[in-house]
Amino acid sequence: MEIRPIEPDDLERICRHREAMFLEAGFAPDTLRTMTRHFRDWLRPRLADDTYFGLLALDGGRAVAGVGLMLIDWPPHPAHPDHDKRGYVLNVYVEPTHRRRGLARQLMALGEDELARRGATFTILHATEAGRPLYQQEGWRQTSEMSKVIAGTVPPPGGGRAPSGT
């Protein structure tokens, strides 16, 4: 198993993993196809300028797991009173054939190291139900964040609860 930084050429791999992650979380395939089309356009320049970075795990050259990372602009806050950035973890995904081998845990640890190397002192993520136990085991804590769809007609999974994932 090889773990390496993501590259601009990994665009389609990242899109595929993100769509699979949300499909497993219960979102509708037609919604996800639309999301992926727009996400691809959003991601392309961010991969090129390294504002979206992360890691991929490859097995025989095939991407089987990944984690996306960003530094996001955020006003100083009690959790980071002298910093105007937060680390952001997104698109954590392990293909079903490679689960229960510690890949997500390893990618998260390496991702946290990379965020710290880039200056992040506080990091956030939005957990899927499947990922929540791992994050809690690794010291992540629930916050007070809430969400609400204020425009559009995209129903969340389950018909009424807030989206749970990134």
Protein backbone atom coordinates (compact mmCIF):
# COMPACT_ATOMS: atom_id res chain seq x y z
CA MET A 1 0.00 0.00 0.00
CA GLU A 2 1.38 3.38 -1.01
CA ILE A 3 0.21 6.69 0.47
CA ARG A 4 1.02 9.81 -1.49
CA PRO A 5 -0.10 13.44 -1.76
CA ILE A 6 -2.95 14.11 -4.16
CA GLU A 7 -2.13 15.72 -7.49
CA PRO A 8 -4.17 17.61 -10.09
CA ASP A 9 -4.38 14.40 -12.15
CA ASP A 10 -6.34 12.80 -9.27
CA LEU A 11 -9.41 14.93 -10.03
CA GLU A 12 -11.59 12.05 -11.25
CA ARG A 13 -10.49 9.74 -8.41
CA ILE A 14 -11.46 12.36 -5.83
CA CYS A 15 -14.80 12.98 -7.56
CA ARG A 16 -15.53 9.24 -7.67
CA HIS A 17 -14.74 8.77 -3.97
CA ARG A 18 -16.80 11.82 -2.97
CA GLU A 19 -19.81 10.64 -4.91
CA ALA A 20 -19.53 7.13 -3.43
CA MET A 21 -19.25 8.59 0.09
CA PHE A 22 -22.46 10.59 -0.32
CA LEU A 23 -24.27 7.70 -2.01
CA GLU A 24 -23.47 5.49 0.99
CA ALA A 25 -24.76 8.30 3.25
CA GLY A 26 -28.15 8.05 1.55
CA PHE A 27 -28.21 10.88 -0.97
CA ALA A 28 -30.05 10.42 -4.28
CA PRO A 29 -27.92 9.42 -7.31
CA ASP A 30 -29.38 12.15 -9.54
CA THR A 31 -28.53 14.81 -6.95
CA LEU A 32 -25.02 13.39 -6.68
CA ARG A 33 -24.44 13.46 -10.44
CA THR A 34 -25.32 17.17 -10.43
CA MET A 35 -23.13 17.76 -7.37
CA THR A 36 -20.18 15.94 -8.93
CA ARG A 37 -20.39 17.94 -12.14
CA HIS A 38 -20.21 21.20 -10.17
CA PHE A 39 -17.68 19.83 -7.67
CA ARG A 40 -15.34 18.85 -10.53
CA ASP A 41 -15.39 22.43 -11.84
CA TRP A 42 -14.86 23.78 -8.31
CA LEU A 43 -12.04 21.34 -7.50
CA ARG A 44 -9.95 21.65 -10.67
CA PRO A 45 -8.45 25.11 -9.92
CA ARG A 46 -8.07 24.30 -6.21
CA LEU A 47 -5.99 21.22 -6.99
CA ALA A 48 -3.88 23.31 -9.36
CA ASP A 49 -3.17 26.04 -6.79
CA ASP A 50 -2.90 23.64 -3.82
CA THR A 51 -5.75 25.20 -1.83
CA TYR A 52 -7.28 21.72 -1.84
CA PHE A 53 -4.68 19.15 -0.87
CA GLY A 54 -4.69 15.74 0.73
CA LEU A 55 -3.62 12.14 0.48
CA LEU A 56 -4.49 9.02 -1.45
CA ALA A 57 -3.85 5.41 -0.52
CA LEU A 58 -3.08 3.26 -3.54
CA ASP A 59 -3.13 -0.51 -3.79
CA GLY A 60 -1.34 -1.68 -6.90
CA GLY A 61 -1.60 1.81 -8.34
CA ARG A 62 -5.37 2.03 -7.79
CA ALA A 63 -6.73 4.69 -5.40
CA VAL A 64 -8.62 2.85 -2.65
CA ALA A 65 -8.85 5.58 0.00
CA GLY A 66 -8.36 9.28 0.35
CA VAL A 67 -8.69 12.39 2.47
CA GLY A 68 -9.10 15.98 1.33
CA LEU A 69 -7.72 18.92 3.28
CA MET A 70 -8.05 22.69 3.18
CA LEU A 71 -7.11 25.73 5.19
CA ILE A 72 -10.24 27.87 5.33
CA ASP A 73 -10.46 31.54 6.15
CA TRP A 74 -12.11 31.97 9.57
CA PRO A 75 -12.12 34.87 12.00
CA PRO A 76 -10.14 34.47 15.21
CA HIS A 77 -12.21 32.43 17.65
CA PRO A 78 -11.81 31.20 21.24
CA ALA A 79 -10.59 27.88 19.81
CA HIS A 80 -7.90 29.70 17.79
CA PRO A 81 -7.72 33.27 19.15
CA ASP A 82 -4.59 34.31 17.25
CA HIS A 83 -5.21 32.54 13.91
CA ASP A 84 -7.52 33.43 11.02
CA LYS A 85 -7.55 29.98 9.44
CA ARG A 86 -8.99 26.60 10.35
CA GLY A 87 -8.03 23.26 9.00
CA TYR A 88 -10.86 21.50 7.21
CA VAL A 89 -11.01 17.75 6.57
CA LEU A 90 -13.35 16.50 3.86
CA ASN A 91 -13.96 13.63 1.49
CA VAL A 92 -12.63 10.90 3.76
CA TYR A 93 -13.41 7.68 1.92
CA VAL A 94 -12.21 4.08 1.90
CA GLU A 95 -13.49 1.69 -0.74
CA PRO A 96 -15.52 -1.18 0.76
CA THR A 97 -12.92 -3.79 -0.25
CA HIS A 98 -10.26 -2.02 1.83
CA ARG A 99 -12.18 -1.13 4.98
CA ARG A 100 -11.30 -2.29 8.51
CA ARG A 101 -7.56 -2.14 7.72
CA GLY A 102 -6.79 1.17 9.43
CA LEU A 103 -6.54 3.22 6.23
CA ALA A 104 -8.92 5.97 7.33
CA ARG A 105 -7.15 6.24 10.69
CA GLN A 106 -3.75 6.42 8.97
CA LEU A 107 -4.92 9.00 6.42
CA MET A 108 -6.50 11.12 9.16
CA ALA A 109 -3.29 11.09 11.23
CA LEU A 110 -1.17 12.04 8.22
CA GLY A 111 -3.72 14.69 7.23
CA GLU A 112 -3.66 16.23 10.70
CA ASP A 113 0.13 16.32 10.51
CA GLU A 114 -0.03 18.11 7.16
CA LEU A 115 -2.56 20.65 8.42
CA ALA A 116 -0.35 21.36 11.45
CA ARG A 117 2.68 21.69 9.17
CA ARG A 118 0.76 24.34 7.21
CA GLY A 119 -0.06 26.25 10.39
CA ALA A 120 -3.50 24.99 11.44
CA THR A 121 -4.04 24.80 15.19
CA PHE A 122 -7.75 23.92 15.05
CA THR A 123 -9.45 21.66 12.54
CA ILE A 124 -13.06 20.84 11.70
CA LEU A 125 -14.91 18.21 9.70
CA HIS A 126 -18.47 17.15 9.05
CA ALA A 127 -18.86 13.48 9.89
CA THR A 128 -21.03 10.91 8.20
CA GLU A 129 -22.65 8.43 10.55
CA ALA A 130 -20.21 5.79 9.32
CA GLY A 131 -17.17 7.95 10.07
CA ARG A 132 -18.27 9.38 13.41
CA PRO A 133 -16.99 6.49 15.64
CA LEU A 134 -13.49 6.70 14.16
CA TYR A 135 -13.31 10.45 14.62
CA GLN A 136 -14.51 10.19 18.22
CA GLN A 137 -11.89 7.52 18.95
CA GLU A 138 -9.24 9.86 17.56
CA GLY A 139 -10.20 12.75 19.83
CA TRP A 140 -12.62 14.69 17.64
CA ARG A 141 -15.51 16.27 19.54
CA GLN A 142 -19.02 17.35 18.61
CA THR A 143 -19.43 21.11 18.20
CA SER A 144 -22.44 23.39 18.29
CA GLU A 145 -22.62 23.84 14.50
CA MET A 146 -26.04 23.56 12.90
CA SER A 147 -27.14 23.78 9.27
CA LYS A 148 -30.25 24.70 7.31
CA VAL A 149 -31.04 24.69 3.59
CA ILE A 150 -32.37 28.19 2.91
CA ALA A 151 -32.71 28.02 -0.87
CA GLY A 152 -33.17 25.23 -3.35
CA THR A 153 -35.06 21.99 -3.34
CA VAL A 154 -32.44 19.32 -2.68
CA PRO A 155 -33.84 17.06 0.05
CA PRO A 156 -31.33 15.71 2.56
CA PRO A 157 -31.11 11.94 3.08
CA GLY A 158 -33.87 10.66 5.31
CA GLY A 159 -36.27 13.28 4.00
CA GLY A 160 -35.79 15.96 6.64
CA ARG A 161 -32.65 15.82 8.67
CA ALA A 162 -29.70 18.08 7.95
CA PRO A 163 -26.95 16.84 5.62
CA SER A 164 -24.26 14.95 7.52
CA GLY A 165 -21.05 14.89 5.54
CA THR A 166 -18.87 16.91 3.25
